[in-house]
Amino acid sequence: MGFHQSSEANLKTNNLAYLGFIKLFDHSFPANNQVVNLRDKYNALDLAEYYFRCGMDVSRQVSEDRFFQTLSRSFLAFVAARKGEWDEALKLAEEAFAEALTQGGAIVPLCELLFSAILLESGDHEQARKRMANSLEFLKRIAVETTGKDAYLFRIQMFGPIRVFHGGQEINTAQWRTVKSRHLLAYLAHQDKPVSTDQIIEDLWPYVEPDKAIALFHTTLYYLRRLLQQFTTEEMIIRGSKRYQLRPGSVFIDRFEFEKNARLALEKEMSTELAEQLESTILLYRGDYLEDLDYQWIAPVQERLRNLNMELRQKLAIFYLQNKMPAKALLHLQQLMALNPYSETTLKLLLTACAEMGDQAAAIKHYLAFTRNIAKELGLQPSAELKKYFSNIVKEKSKAAL
């Protein structure tokens, strides 16, 4: 799909908001500075297409290519906008963005990017500017996240389904001799320390007879070593005194990077700089920890990391609300509600963000959805405190509109 030319005079006449809107692109990807010159030739949808493609490239670099359905819906919205079918375009774009919020990661700014361009072209300039600013900031952070990992021989992505990379290329499913060899690698990465043979067998083959389990372990270890030897001459699995571990310093593991950054962040007071660091950290959390593995030793860590992710998002959301940035807070609060749909604390923050953005309809929509949800699933009603809080927000905004 190529760019459609449009004269500068036509842009100035028909879309005055665009003249301010394009300033956002001056601070976009450093590697794509040449794109700034395109702004005099193309309309917002043209630039959105270009940045969408840039974002897709960045997305592939951080291995976020498992969101095909949501991205397809977003691109269908783009096609509808090209055809001038604005109602359909807005509907599809909003649905895609809502889906993206529940998934997190690089897909959020990509979908928001097209949504903002469609909003702009359909006349909603204020919302378009806010959303475009958010999406460009997120994409820049993702680009930064892809750097600094080349020193490692392998990269293991343990949030979401386990994925293993060497030199930027994923070791695909067909290359693994057995599923259990992937599980053994995940287990050694999870432990990040020497582990005894007995402990490995107990954790990976808990219901197998001891003699058979030992044989299965050695066969699986053999297959895993053979696979890793296809990519490096380094011995990746170190053995000593019947204990095994991955070679220290040779593997980048997203879980430990996430925990390290989160721990440091929670010890500090929030600032703009810290918020930027947290945004990059949260991008590592692509889904539940080892979500495609089913072992008892995973559950406690999975729950702890899920709670840590929510704690970081709430910390960011509160900071953004305190600093009059409700649109940024909204991104995290919507994901928090998806992760913990029964939380009155999160709902209060979400209602506050909607109110700060002047979107009373959204506040009412979220409150009613919450009340229906807890009534159906838990047989409960909102607390008196929440009812009062919601009532006050609606009244204040109603007065402000008079």
Protein backbone atom coordinates (compact mmCIF):
# COMPACT_ATOMS: atom_id res chain seq x y z
CA MET A 1 0.00 0.00 0.00
CA GLY A 2 1.62 3.24 -1.11
CA PHE A 3 1.36 6.74 0.26
CA HIS A 4 -1.25 9.08 -1.23
CA GLN A 5 0.09 12.55 -2.00
CA SER A 6 -1.62 15.67 -0.72
CA SER A 7 -0.51 19.29 -1.10
CA GLU A 8 0.54 21.44 1.83
CA ALA A 9 -2.08 24.05 0.92
CA ASN A 10 -4.82 21.43 1.03
CA LEU A 11 -3.64 20.25 4.44
CA LYS A 12 -3.69 23.79 5.81
CA THR A 13 -7.17 24.43 4.43
CA ASN A 14 -8.90 21.17 5.32
CA ASN A 15 -7.15 20.01 8.48
CA LEU A 16 -5.82 22.87 10.58
CA ALA A 17 -5.40 20.57 13.56
CA TYR A 18 -2.84 18.62 11.58
CA LEU A 19 -0.39 21.55 11.59
CA GLY A 20 -0.04 21.19 15.34
CA PHE A 21 -0.40 17.42 15.26
CA ILE A 22 2.65 16.83 13.05
CA LYS A 23 4.93 18.38 15.67
CA LEU A 24 4.63 15.13 17.54
CA PHE A 25 6.64 13.42 14.82
CA ASP A 26 9.64 15.71 15.29
CA HIS A 27 10.54 13.68 18.40
CA SER A 28 9.86 10.22 17.05
CA PHE A 29 12.32 7.44 16.23
CA PRO A 30 15.88 8.79 15.86
CA ALA A 31 16.55 6.13 13.23
CA ASN A 32 13.68 7.42 11.14
CA ASN A 33 14.33 11.17 11.16
CA GLN A 34 13.91 11.22 7.42
CA VAL A 35 10.20 10.66 7.95
CA VAL A 36 9.75 14.17 9.33
CA ASN A 37 10.19 15.55 5.81
CA LEU A 38 7.22 13.50 4.63
CA ARG A 39 4.81 15.52 6.73
CA ASP A 40 4.53 18.25 4.08
CA LYS A 41 3.39 15.69 1.50
CA TYR A 42 1.07 13.27 3.24
CA ASN A 43 -1.99 13.33 5.47
CA ALA A 44 -2.35 11.78 8.92
CA LEU A 45 -3.38 8.38 7.59
CA ASP A 46 -0.32 8.31 5.33
CA LEU A 47 1.99 9.00 8.24
CA ALA A 48 0.10 6.54 10.44
CA GLU A 49 0.67 3.87 7.80
CA TYR A 50 4.39 4.61 7.74
CA TYR A 51 4.72 4.59 11.51
CA PHE A 52 2.56 1.48 11.75
CA ARG A 53 5.03 -0.29 9.48
CA CYS A 54 7.98 1.06 11.53
CA GLY A 55 6.22 -0.15 14.65
CA MET A 56 5.69 -3.60 13.13
CA ASP A 57 9.42 -3.81 12.44
CA VAL A 58 10.20 -2.89 16.04
CA SER A 59 7.53 -5.33 17.23
CA ARG A 60 9.18 -8.18 15.35
CA GLN A 61 12.52 -7.30 16.94
CA VAL A 62 11.08 -7.86 20.39
CA SER A 63 9.18 -10.97 19.23
CA GLU A 64 5.65 -9.64 19.58
CA ASP A 65 4.37 -11.35 16.43
CA ARG A 66 1.71 -13.48 18.15
CA PHE A 67 -1.03 -10.88 17.96
CA PHE A 68 -2.02 -11.42 14.33
CA GLN A 69 -5.80 -11.32 14.85
CA THR A 70 -5.79 -8.03 16.75
CA LEU A 71 -3.37 -6.39 14.34
CA SER A 72 -5.50 -7.60 11.42
CA ARG A 73 -8.58 -5.96 12.94
CA SER A 74 -6.63 -2.73 13.37
CA PHE A 75 -5.48 -2.83 9.77
CA LEU A 76 -9.06 -3.48 8.56
CA ALA A 77 -9.96 -0.25 10.34
CA PHE A 78 -7.24 1.46 8.36
CA VAL A 79 -8.65 0.06 5.09
CA ALA A 80 -12.16 1.25 6.01
CA ALA A 81 -10.75 4.73 6.70
CA ARG A 82 -9.04 4.76 3.30
CA LYS A 83 -12.44 4.04 1.75
CA GLY A 84 -14.05 6.86 3.74
CA GLU A 85 -16.17 4.50 5.86
CA TRP A 86 -15.50 6.41 9.08
CA ASP A 87 -18.10 4.79 11.36
CA GLU A 88 -16.84 1.32 10.49
CA ALA A 89 -13.22 2.45 10.77
CA LEU A 90 -13.72 3.94 14.24
CA LYS A 91 -15.62 0.86 15.41
CA LEU A 92 -12.92 -1.56 14.24
CA ALA A 93 -10.07 0.62 15.52
CA GLU A 94 -11.64 0.95 18.97
CA GLU A 95 -12.26 -2.82 19.17
CA ALA A 96 -8.68 -3.57 18.14
CA PHE A 97 -7.29 -1.11 20.68
CA ALA A 98 -9.48 -2.60 23.45
CA GLU A 99 -8.18 -6.09 22.60
CA ALA A 100 -4.61 -4.79 22.56
CA LEU A 101 -4.98 -3.32 26.04
CA THR A 102 -5.80 -6.75 27.44
CA GLN A 103 -2.70 -8.24 25.79
CA GLY A 104 -0.16 -5.51 26.50
CA GLY A 105 3.28 -5.08 24.96
CA ALA A 106 4.11 -3.60 21.58
CA ILE A 107 0.64 -4.23 20.19
CA VAL A 108 -0.85 -1.42 22.32
CA PRO A 109 0.95 1.54 20.69
CA LEU A 110 0.61 -0.02 17.23
CA CYS A 111 -3.17 -0.22 17.47
CA GLU A 112 -3.41 3.15 19.21
CA LEU A 113 -1.36 4.69 16.41
CA LEU A 114 -3.90 3.82 13.72
CA PHE A 115 -6.80 4.62 16.03
CA SER A 116 -5.44 8.13 16.61
CA ALA A 117 -5.00 8.80 12.89
CA ILE A 118 -8.58 7.71 12.19
CA LEU A 119 -9.83 9.92 15.03
CA LEU A 120 -7.91 12.85 13.58
CA GLU A 121 -9.21 12.43 10.04
CA SER A 122 -12.77 11.98 11.33
CA GLY A 123 -12.57 15.27 13.26
CA ASP A 124 -11.80 14.27 16.88
CA HIS A 125 -8.56 16.25 17.05
CA GLU A 126 -8.11 16.41 20.83
CA GLN A 127 -8.32 12.65 21.41
CA ALA A 128 -6.15 12.04 18.34
CA ARG A 129 -3.30 14.19 19.67
CA LYS A 130 -3.34 12.48 23.08
CA ARG A 131 -3.37 8.98 21.63
CA MET A 132 -0.67 9.69 19.05
CA ALA A 133 1.65 11.11 21.71
CA ASN A 134 1.14 7.98 23.84
CA SER A 135 1.78 5.57 20.97
CA LEU A 136 4.98 7.25 19.79
CA GLU A 137 6.42 7.29 23.31
CA PHE A 138 5.66 3.60 23.76
CA LEU A 139 7.23 2.66 20.42
CA LYS A 140 10.40 4.54 21.25
CA ARG A 141 10.67 2.65 24.53
CA ILE A 142 10.22 -0.67 22.75
CA ALA A 143 13.00 0.26 20.33
CA VAL A 144 15.28 0.99 23.29
CA GLU A 145 14.35 -2.35 24.85
CA THR A 146 15.77 -4.26 21.85
CA THR A 147 19.29 -2.88 22.40
CA GLY A 148 21.96 -4.03 24.83
CA LYS A 149 21.35 -7.78 24.62
CA ASP A 150 23.87 -8.84 21.96
CA ALA A 151 26.42 -9.87 24.59
CA TYR A 152 24.30 -12.91 25.40
CA LEU A 153 24.44 -16.12 23.37
CA PHE A 154 20.75 -16.81 23.90
CA ARG A 155 17.68 -14.91 24.99
CA ILE A 156 14.85 -16.70 26.74
CA GLN A 157 11.45 -15.05 26.88
CA MET A 158 9.61 -16.50 29.87
CA PHE A 159 6.68 -14.11 30.09
CA GLY A 160 3.90 -15.56 27.99
CA PRO A 161 4.68 -18.81 26.15
CA ILE A 162 8.36 -19.69 26.45
CA ARG A 163 10.41 -18.60 23.43
CA VAL A 164 14.13 -19.01 22.82
CA PHE A 165 16.25 -16.79 20.54
CA HIS A 166 19.78 -16.88 19.22
CA GLY A 167 21.21 -13.87 17.40
CA GLY A 168 17.77 -12.29 17.06
CA GLN A 169 16.27 -15.40 15.44
CA GLU A 170 13.79 -17.62 17.25
CA ILE A 171 14.49 -21.32 17.63
CA ASN A 172 11.16 -22.52 16.30
CA THR A 173 9.08 -25.45 17.50
CA ALA A 174 10.16 -27.77 14.69
CA GLN A 175 13.81 -27.54 15.78
CA TRP A 176 13.12 -29.02 19.22
CA ARG A 177 13.44 -32.82 19.25
CA THR A 178 11.00 -33.09 22.16
CA VAL A 179 8.71 -30.77 24.09
CA LYS A 180 10.38 -31.90 27.31
CA SER A 181 13.75 -30.54 26.14
CA ARG A 182 12.16 -27.06 25.96
CA HIS A 183 10.75 -27.60 29.44
CA LEU A 184 14.18 -28.59 30.76
CA LEU A 185 15.71 -25.41 29.36
CA ALA A 186 12.89 -23.37 30.89
CA TYR A 187 13.43 -25.11 34.23
CA LEU A 188 17.19 -24.43 34.29
CA ALA A 189 16.53 -20.79 33.35
CA HIS A 190 13.87 -20.60 36.06
CA GLN A 191 16.24 -21.91 38.73
CA ASP A 192 19.25 -19.73 37.71
CA LYS A 193 21.48 -21.81 40.01
CA PRO A 194 22.93 -25.32 40.18
CA VAL A 195 20.19 -27.92 40.61
CA SER A 196 20.62 -31.56 41.60
CA THR A 197 19.56 -34.41 39.34
CA ASP A 198 17.10 -35.60 41.96
CA GLN A 199 15.47 -32.16 42.18
CA ILE A 200 15.16 -31.87 38.40
CA ILE A 201 13.52 -35.29 38.17
CA GLU A 202 11.17 -34.52 41.03
CA ASP A 203 10.07 -31.27 39.40
CA LEU A 204 9.82 -32.39 35.75
CA TRP A 205 8.91 -36.09 36.09
CA PRO A 206 7.05 -36.18 39.42
CA TYR A 207 4.82 -39.16 38.64
CA VAL A 208 7.30 -41.38 36.79
CA GLU A 209 9.08 -44.40 38.28
CA PRO A 210 12.60 -43.41 39.45
CA ASP A 211 14.57 -45.61 37.02
CA LYS A 212 12.49 -44.53 34.04
CA ALA A 213 12.62 -40.87 35.14
CA ILE A 214 16.46 -40.96 35.27
CA ALA A 215 16.58 -42.41 31.76
CA LEU A 216 14.14 -39.78 30.49
CA PHE A 217 16.19 -37.01 32.08
CA HIS A 218 19.46 -38.08 30.44
CA THR A 219 17.77 -38.52 27.06
CA THR A 220 16.16 -35.09 27.33
CA LEU A 221 19.43 -33.50 28.42
CA TYR A 222 21.17 -35.09 25.43
CA TYR A 223 18.59 -33.67 23.00
CA LEU A 224 18.82 -30.22 24.58
CA ARG A 225 22.60 -30.14 24.40
CA ARG A 226 22.57 -31.26 20.76
CA LEU A 227 20.17 -28.47 19.86
CA LEU A 228 22.18 -25.75 21.62
CA GLN A 229 25.39 -27.02 20.00
CA GLN A 230 23.90 -26.15 16.61
CA PHE A 231 24.22 -22.47 17.57
CA THR A 232 27.38 -22.26 19.67
CA THR A 233 30.52 -24.21 20.52
CA GLU A 234 30.22 -23.04 24.14
CA GLU A 235 29.03 -25.64 26.64
CA MET A 236 25.73 -24.10 27.70
CA ILE A 237 24.76 -26.60 30.40
CA ILE A 238 27.39 -26.83 33.12
CA ARG A 239 27.62 -29.95 35.29
CA GLY A 240 29.38 -30.33 38.64
CA SER A 241 28.76 -32.73 41.54
CA LYS A 242 25.60 -34.05 39.87
CA ARG A 243 24.23 -30.52 39.63
CA TYR A 244 23.30 -28.71 36.45
CA GLN A 245 22.92 -25.07 35.51
CA LEU A 246 23.00 -22.78 32.48
CA ARG A 247 26.36 -21.14 31.81
CA PRO A 248 26.33 -17.92 33.90
CA GLY A 249 26.24 -14.72 31.87
CA SER A 250 25.43 -16.47 28.59
CA VAL A 251 21.64 -16.18 28.60
CA PHE A 252 19.39 -13.13 28.85
CA ILE A 253 16.24 -14.01 30.80
CA ASP A 254 13.42 -11.48 30.77
CA ARG A 255 12.08 -12.51 34.19
CA PHE A 256 15.25 -11.52 36.04
CA GLU A 257 15.56 -8.26 34.14
CA PHE A 258 11.94 -7.49 35.06
CA GLU A 259 12.46 -8.33 38.74
CA LYS A 260 15.70 -6.36 39.00
CA ASN A 261 14.21 -3.21 37.43
CA ALA A 262 11.01 -3.51 39.43
CA ARG A 263 12.84 -3.91 42.73
CA LEU A 264 14.94 -0.81 42.07
CA ALA A 265 11.90 1.19 40.99
CA LEU A 266 9.83 0.33 44.04
CA GLU A 267 12.60 1.59 46.31
CA LYS A 268 12.51 5.07 44.74
CA GLU A 269 10.06 7.93 44.71
CA MET A 270 8.24 8.39 41.43
CA SER A 271 9.59 10.88 38.93
CA THR A 272 9.29 11.40 35.19
CA GLU A 273 12.57 9.57 34.63
CA LEU A 274 11.49 6.66 36.80
CA ALA A 275 8.15 6.50 35.00
CA GLU A 276 9.98 6.08 31.70
CA GLN A 277 12.07 3.28 33.17
CA LEU A 278 8.97 1.55 34.49
CA GLU A 279 7.25 1.78 31.11
CA SER A 280 10.20 -0.08 29.57
CA THR A 281 10.17 -2.64 32.37
CA ILE A 282 6.47 -3.35 32.00
CA LEU A 283 6.96 -4.07 28.30
CA LEU A 284 8.90 -7.18 29.35
CA TYR A 285 5.73 -8.59 30.90
CA ARG A 286 4.14 -10.09 27.77
CA GLY A 287 1.83 -12.46 29.62
CA ASP A 288 1.80 -14.74 32.64
CA TYR A 289 5.11 -16.32 33.54
CA LEU A 290 5.65 -19.60 31.62
CA GLU A 291 1.95 -19.60 30.82
CA ASP A 292 2.17 -22.64 28.50
CA LEU A 293 3.82 -24.90 31.11
CA ASP A 294 1.87 -26.78 33.79
CA TYR A 295 4.04 -27.62 36.78
CA GLN A 296 3.45 -27.01 40.47
CA TRP A 297 6.71 -25.07 40.92
CA ILE A 298 5.56 -22.43 38.46
CA ALA A 299 2.36 -21.31 40.20
CA PRO A 300 3.84 -19.40 43.20
CA VAL A 301 6.32 -17.49 41.03
CA GLN A 302 3.67 -16.83 38.42
CA GLU A 303 1.35 -15.33 41.03
CA ARG A 304 4.11 -13.21 42.57
CA LEU A 305 5.16 -11.79 39.20
CA ARG A 306 1.57 -11.10 38.21
CA ASN A 307 1.09 -9.11 41.42
CA LEU A 308 4.37 -7.27 40.86
CA ASN A 309 3.26 -6.30 37.36
CA MET A 310 -0.02 -4.94 38.75
CA GLU A 311 1.83 -3.06 41.50
CA LEU A 312 4.06 -1.35 38.93
CA ARG A 313 1.12 -0.43 36.72
CA GLN A 314 -0.80 1.02 39.66
CA LYS A 315 2.25 3.02 40.74
CA LEU A 316 2.50 4.47 37.23
CA ALA A 317 -1.22 5.18 36.98
CA ILE A 318 -1.27 7.09 40.28
CA PHE A 319 1.78 9.09 39.22
CA TYR A 320 0.16 10.03 35.91
CA LEU A 321 -3.09 11.05 37.62
CA GLN A 322 -1.21 13.19 40.14
CA ASN A 323 0.62 14.90 37.29
CA LYS A 324 -2.45 15.58 35.12
CA MET A 325 -1.75 12.86 32.54
CA PRO A 326 -5.00 10.87 32.67
CA ALA A 327 -4.64 9.44 29.14
CA LYS A 328 -1.43 7.66 30.17
CA ALA A 329 -3.00 6.49 33.40
CA LEU A 330 -5.94 5.10 31.46
CA LEU A 331 -3.73 2.69 29.49
CA HIS A 332 -2.53 1.01 32.67
CA LEU A 333 -5.83 1.12 34.52
CA GLN A 334 -7.71 -0.61 31.72
CA GLN A 335 -5.17 -3.42 31.78
CA LEU A 336 -5.37 -3.59 35.57
CA MET A 337 -9.15 -3.98 35.40
CA ALA A 338 -8.71 -6.80 32.88
CA LEU A 339 -6.24 -8.53 35.22
CA ASN A 340 -8.27 -7.91 38.38
CA PRO A 341 -11.87 -7.14 37.40
CA TYR A 342 -13.15 -7.15 41.01
CA SER A 343 -10.88 -4.43 42.39
CA GLU A 344 -12.73 -1.36 43.68
CA THR A 345 -9.41 0.42 44.18
CA THR A 346 -8.52 0.09 40.51
CA LEU A 347 -12.03 1.06 39.44
CA LYS A 348 -11.83 4.28 41.48
CA LEU A 349 -8.61 5.21 39.72
CA LEU A 350 -10.15 4.35 36.36
CA LEU A 351 -13.21 6.51 37.08
CA THR A 352 -10.89 9.34 38.09
CA ALA A 353 -8.95 9.06 34.82
CA CYS A 354 -12.17 9.13 32.78
CA ALA A 355 -13.42 12.13 34.73
CA GLU A 356 -10.13 13.99 34.26
CA MET A 357 -10.40 13.40 30.53
CA GLY A 358 -13.95 14.73 30.55
CA ASP A 359 -15.35 11.39 29.44
CA GLN A 360 -18.36 10.95 31.72
CA ALA A 361 -19.92 8.36 29.41
CA ALA A 362 -16.87 6.12 29.77
CA ALA A 363 -16.94 6.50 33.57
CA ILE A 364 -20.58 5.42 33.66
CA LYS A 365 -19.88 2.54 31.27
CA HIS A 366 -17.01 1.20 33.42
CA TYR A 367 -18.99 1.54 36.65
CA LEU A 368 -22.05 -0.28 35.28
CA ALA A 369 -19.89 -3.05 33.80
CA PHE A 370 -18.21 -3.49 37.20
CA THR A 371 -21.52 -3.69 39.07
CA ARG A 372 -22.90 -6.26 36.61
CA ASN A 373 -19.72 -8.30 36.82
CA ILE A 374 -19.52 -8.57 40.60
CA ALA A 375 -23.27 -9.25 40.83
CA LYS A 376 -23.07 -12.08 38.30
CA GLU A 377 -19.76 -13.62 39.36
CA LEU A 378 -19.68 -12.94 43.11
CA GLY A 379 -23.25 -12.12 44.07
CA LEU A 380 -22.09 -8.77 45.47
CA GLN A 381 -22.93 -5.08 45.15
CA PRO A 382 -20.51 -2.14 45.10
CA SER A 383 -19.55 -0.87 48.53
CA ALA A 384 -21.22 2.25 49.91
CA GLU A 385 -17.89 4.04 49.58
CA LEU A 386 -17.62 3.20 45.86
CA LYS A 387 -21.22 4.22 45.20
CA LYS A 388 -20.59 7.58 46.85
CA TYR A 389 -17.33 8.04 44.95
CA PHE A 390 -19.01 7.37 41.63
CA SER A 391 -21.92 9.65 42.45
CA ASN A 392 -19.57 12.51 43.36
CA ILE A 393 -17.60 12.14 40.12
CA VAL A 394 -20.74 12.22 37.99
CA LYS A 395 -22.12 15.23 39.87
CA GLU A 396 -18.87 17.19 39.66
CA LYS A 397 -18.58 16.65 35.94
CA SER A 398 -22.24 17.48 35.40
CA LYS A 399 -21.75 20.79 37.23
CA ALA A 400 -18.63 21.54 35.22
CA ALA A 401 -20.55 21.05 31.99
CA LEU A 402 -23.15 23.69 32.95
